[in-house]
Protein backbone atom coordinates (compact mmCIF):
# COMPACT_ATOMS: atom_id res chain seq x y z
CA MET A 1 80.58 72.54 99.57
CA THR A 2 81.86 70.45 96.69
CA SER A 3 83.37 71.72 93.48
CA ASN A 4 82.11 70.67 90.06
CA ASN A 5 85.41 71.70 88.48
CA ARG A 6 87.21 68.55 87.45
CA ILE A 7 90.26 68.20 85.31
CA VAL A 8 89.54 65.65 82.60
CA VAL A 9 93.18 64.60 82.38
CA PRO A 10 94.50 64.28 85.95
CA GLU A 11 98.09 64.50 84.74
CA ALA A 12 97.35 68.07 83.59
CA LYS A 13 96.53 69.38 87.08
CA GLU A 14 99.99 70.84 87.71
CA ALA A 15 100.09 72.50 84.27
CA MET A 16 96.65 74.02 84.82
CA GLU A 17 97.74 75.45 88.18
CA LYS A 18 100.79 77.00 86.52
CA PHE A 19 98.60 78.39 83.72
CA LYS A 20 96.22 79.91 86.28
CA MET A 21 99.10 81.51 88.20
CA GLU A 22 100.54 82.98 84.98
CA ALA A 23 97.16 84.40 83.97
CA ALA A 24 96.67 85.90 87.43
CA ASN A 25 100.10 87.49 87.31
CA GLU A 26 99.34 89.02 83.90
CA VAL A 27 96.22 90.77 85.22
CA GLY A 28 97.83 91.78 88.52
CA VAL A 29 95.99 89.40 90.84
CA THR A 30 97.96 87.68 93.58
CA LEU A 31 96.97 84.04 94.05
CA LYS A 32 98.21 81.73 96.74
CA GLN A 33 98.45 77.96 96.62
CA GLY A 34 95.19 76.35 97.68
CA TYR A 35 92.12 78.30 98.71
CA ASN A 36 91.63 81.79 97.23
CA GLY A 37 88.12 82.51 98.48
CA ASP A 38 89.15 85.97 99.60
CA LEU A 39 89.31 87.20 96.00
CA THR A 40 86.64 89.57 94.79
CA SER A 41 84.37 88.48 91.96
CA ARG A 42 86.09 91.01 89.74
CA GLN A 43 89.53 89.55 90.49
CA ALA A 44 88.41 85.96 89.97
CA GLY A 45 86.63 86.93 86.75
CA SER A 46 89.67 88.72 85.40
CA VAL A 47 91.82 85.63 86.00
CA GLY A 48 89.27 83.35 84.31
CA GLY A 49 88.83 85.78 81.45
CA GLN A 50 92.57 85.98 80.89
CA MET A 51 92.79 82.18 80.85
CA VAL A 52 90.02 81.96 78.23
CA LYS A 53 91.65 84.70 76.16
CA LYS A 54 94.97 82.80 76.15
CA MET A 55 93.26 79.50 75.27
CA ILE A 56 91.45 81.09 72.32
CA GLU A 57 94.67 82.73 71.17
CA SER A 58 96.47 79.38 71.38
CA TYR A 59 93.74 77.67 69.34
CA GLU A 60 93.75 80.40 66.71
CA ASN A 61 97.52 80.09 66.36
CA SER A 62 97.24 76.33 65.97
CA ILE A 63 94.86 76.55 62.99
CA LYS A 64 96.98 78.99 60.97
């Protein structure tokens, strides 16, 4: 199975991993480095949702 998720700026990969770990920590989901296929859909969704929430918040703060 291949992933369609690609980072547009390869240099940002490490920062995105850190961002994902921070978001997971904020919603109480424990991630490990590498494969996290054992997460439930709810857990994965809460991490993704938290990431989107923080990105929107960052954008809103930048346009003030």
